[in-house]
Amino acid sequence: MSRRSAISTPAPRYFPKTPGSAATRSSSAIELARAECEYMSGATEAAEDRLSILSRRARDRIDLASVVCVQTNLFGMTERYQRTVETCLDYMRQVGIEWSLQATTTKVRREYERLWNQIGDRPIEAFLDLPRMSDLECRATMDVLAGLLGVAYAMNGICSPLRSFT
C-alpha cells in the first residue's frame, strides 16, 4: 500500500473492532479528529457524515459528548444554530435532563431561582474550596453545556432564556 493511500484509509481498517478495546477507542478518537480536520478544511458534508456515524457508534455518554462537542463546533461554524441546539438538547435528554427548545421565560426564571436557592447566601469564594469534578460523565455533560451557551449568545431569540443564566 502506498503512503498516500495509507493516509487516506479510514482508521477502522487498521484496528480490530473488539468493543471496548483500546484499539477501538483509539480508532474512534482518530475518526473524531479526522472529522474535525474535515470541517476545518471545508469538507463539512464529509465531517457531518462521519460525526453521524460516530454518534451512533458511541460506546457511552462520554464518547457521545465528545462527538456532540465537535458537532456543535461544526454546526456553529456553518451557522446552523438551531441544529446545534437540537443536537445538544438531544444529548441532554440522554443524560436525563429534559429541556425544551422553546422554554418559557417563566420556566427558566423558576429554574434560575431554584439554582440560587441551592447556592443560598454562600459567597462565590466558598465554591473554590470544593473538590474538582471527578465524574467523567458529568464533566462531559458540562462540555456539551459550554457549547450550548456559546450558541445561545449567537442566536436571536431561540435560546434567549439561557442568556439570563450568564
Protein backbone atom coordinates (compact mmCIF):
# COMPACT_ATOMS: atom_id res chain seq x y z
CA MET A 1 0.00 0.00 0.00
CA SER A 2 1.36 3.40 -0.90
CA ARG A 3 1.90 6.06 1.74
CA ARG A 4 -0.75 8.28 0.14
CA SER A 5 -3.45 5.57 0.32
CA ALA A 6 -2.41 4.67 3.86
CA ILE A 7 -3.01 8.25 4.96
CA SER A 8 -6.47 8.39 3.40
CA THR A 9 -7.56 4.94 4.62
CA PRO A 10 -10.08 5.11 7.47
CA ALA A 11 -8.65 4.16 10.85
CA PRO A 12 -11.05 1.23 11.49
CA ARG A 13 -9.25 -0.73 8.78
CA TYR A 14 -6.09 -0.73 10.90
CA PHE A 15 -7.69 -1.61 14.22
CA PRO A 16 -9.71 -4.67 15.24
CA LYS A 17 -13.34 -3.97 16.12
CA THR A 18 -13.39 -5.55 19.56
CA PRO A 19 -15.89 -3.46 21.56
CA GLY A 20 -14.28 -1.66 24.49
CA SER A 21 -10.74 -2.44 23.41
CA ALA A 22 -8.03 0.18 23.49
CA ALA A 23 -7.73 -0.18 19.71
CA THR A 24 -11.44 0.58 19.26
CA ARG A 25 -11.17 3.65 21.49
CA SER A 26 -8.11 4.79 19.54
CA SER A 27 -9.91 4.23 16.28
CA SER A 28 -12.86 6.33 17.42
CA ALA A 29 -10.53 9.10 18.59
CA ILE A 30 -8.78 9.09 15.23
CA GLU A 31 -12.11 9.23 13.39
CA LEU A 32 -13.24 12.12 15.60
CA ALA A 33 -10.02 14.01 14.90
CA ARG A 34 -10.47 13.28 11.20
CA ALA A 35 -13.98 14.78 11.30
CA GLU A 36 -12.55 17.91 12.95
CA CYS A 37 -9.91 18.19 10.23
CA GLU A 38 -12.57 17.74 7.56
CA TYR A 39 -14.82 20.51 8.78
CA MET A 40 -11.90 22.86 9.42
CA SER A 41 -10.68 22.32 5.87
CA GLY A 42 -14.12 22.97 4.39
CA ALA A 43 -15.29 19.38 3.87
CA THR A 44 -18.31 19.95 6.11
CA GLU A 45 -20.55 17.35 4.48
CA ALA A 46 -17.95 14.59 4.95
CA ALA A 47 -17.42 15.72 8.55
CA GLU A 48 -21.15 15.70 9.24
CA ASP A 49 -21.49 12.18 7.80
CA ARG A 50 -18.54 10.93 9.85
CA LEU A 51 -19.89 12.52 13.05
CA SER A 52 -23.30 10.99 12.45
CA ILE A 53 -21.70 7.54 12.24
CA LEU A 54 -19.58 8.20 15.32
CA SER A 55 -22.61 9.32 17.33
CA ARG A 56 -24.36 6.02 16.56
CA ARG A 57 -21.21 4.04 17.44
CA ALA A 58 -20.50 5.88 20.70
CA ARG A 59 -20.00 3.27 23.40
CA ASP A 60 -21.05 5.52 26.28
CA ARG A 61 -22.19 9.04 27.13
CA ILE A 62 -18.63 10.29 27.41
CA ASP A 63 -17.87 9.24 23.82
CA LEU A 64 -21.17 10.70 22.69
CA ALA A 65 -20.42 14.01 24.41
CA SER A 66 -17.11 14.20 22.53
CA VAL A 67 -18.96 13.77 19.25
CA VAL A 68 -21.64 16.30 20.23
CA CYS A 69 -18.97 18.87 21.08
CA VAL A 70 -17.44 18.52 17.60
CA GLN A 71 -20.91 18.63 16.03
CA THR A 72 -21.59 21.81 17.99
CA ASN A 73 -18.45 23.38 16.54
CA LEU A 74 -19.32 22.23 13.02
CA PHE A 75 -22.93 23.45 13.15
CA GLY A 76 -21.89 26.73 14.76
CA MET A 77 -19.21 27.32 12.14
CA THR A 78 -21.78 26.73 9.39
CA GLU A 79 -24.30 28.96 11.20
CA ARG A 80 -26.81 26.16 11.77
CA TYR A 81 -27.57 27.30 15.29
CA GLN A 82 -30.93 25.60 15.64
CA ARG A 83 -29.33 22.28 14.63
CA THR A 84 -26.65 22.89 17.27
CA VAL A 85 -29.25 23.44 19.97
CA GLU A 86 -31.28 20.40 18.88
CA THR A 87 -28.14 18.22 18.98
CA CYS A 88 -27.20 19.46 22.45
CA LEU A 89 -30.73 19.07 23.80
CA ASP A 90 -30.89 15.52 22.41
CA TYR A 91 -27.71 14.71 24.33
CA MET A 92 -29.16 16.31 27.47
CA ARG A 93 -32.25 14.07 27.17
CA GLN A 94 -29.96 11.05 27.03
CA VAL A 95 -28.42 12.04 30.36
CA GLY A 96 -31.85 12.59 31.92
CA ILE A 97 -32.23 16.35 31.53
CA GLU A 98 -35.39 17.41 29.69
CA TRP A 99 -35.13 20.91 28.27
CA SER A 100 -37.43 22.42 25.71
CA LEU A 101 -36.20 24.16 22.59
CA GLN A 102 -38.74 26.89 23.31
CA ALA A 103 -38.60 27.19 27.11
CA THR A 104 -40.86 29.83 28.56
CA THR A 105 -39.36 32.73 30.44
CA THR A 106 -41.38 31.65 33.50
CA LYS A 107 -39.91 28.15 33.46
CA VAL A 108 -36.38 29.47 33.03
CA ARG A 109 -36.89 32.00 35.81
CA ARG A 110 -38.12 29.22 38.11
CA GLU A 111 -35.01 27.13 37.40
CA TYR A 112 -32.82 30.18 37.92
CA GLU A 113 -34.43 30.84 41.31
CA ARG A 114 -34.09 27.16 42.25
CA LEU A 115 -30.37 27.39 41.50
CA TRP A 116 -29.96 30.49 43.65
CA ASN A 117 -31.89 28.81 46.47
CA GLN A 118 -29.42 25.92 46.38
CA ILE A 119 -26.49 28.34 46.46
CA GLY A 120 -28.06 30.23 49.33
CA ASP A 121 -26.06 33.03 50.84
CA ARG A 122 -22.70 31.35 50.33
CA PRO A 123 -20.13 33.67 48.76
CA ILE A 124 -18.66 32.67 45.42
CA GLU A 125 -15.32 32.06 47.14
CA ALA A 126 -16.90 29.13 49.01
CA PHE A 127 -17.03 27.23 45.74
CA LEU A 128 -13.28 27.50 45.27
CA ASP A 129 -12.78 25.03 48.12
CA LEU A 130 -14.97 22.36 46.52
CA PRO A 131 -13.16 19.36 45.02
CA ARG A 132 -12.76 19.23 41.26
CA MET A 133 -15.50 17.40 39.43
CA SER A 134 -14.26 13.82 39.14
CA ASP A 135 -17.25 12.17 37.46
CA LEU A 136 -16.18 11.93 33.82
CA GLU A 137 -19.76 11.73 32.55
CA CYS A 138 -20.67 14.93 34.41
CA ARG A 139 -17.58 16.65 33.03
CA ALA A 140 -18.52 15.57 29.51
CA THR A 141 -22.02 16.94 30.03
CA MET A 142 -20.55 20.25 31.19
CA ASP A 143 -18.54 20.38 27.94
CA VAL A 144 -21.76 19.96 25.95
CA LEU A 145 -23.42 22.69 28.02
CA ALA A 146 -20.50 25.04 27.41
CA GLY A 147 -21.01 24.62 23.66
CA LEU A 148 -24.72 25.25 24.02
CA LEU A 149 -24.21 28.53 25.86
CA GLY A 150 -21.96 29.85 23.12
CA VAL A 151 -24.70 29.24 20.58
CA ALA A 152 -27.29 30.84 22.86
CA TYR A 153 -25.34 34.09 22.62
CA ALA A 154 -25.12 33.85 18.84
CA MET A 155 -28.81 33.23 18.28
CA ASN A 156 -31.61 35.75 18.22
CA GLY A 157 -34.41 34.63 20.45
CA ILE A 158 -34.38 30.84 20.26
CA CYS A 159 -32.29 30.41 23.40
CA SER A 160 -32.71 33.82 24.93
CA PRO A 161 -33.85 32.33 28.25
CA LEU A 162 -30.43 30.66 28.59
CA ARG A 163 -28.80 34.07 28.38
CA SER A 164 -30.28 35.00 31.74
CA PHE A 165 -28.06 32.40 33.41
CA THR A 166 -24.85 34.13 32.45
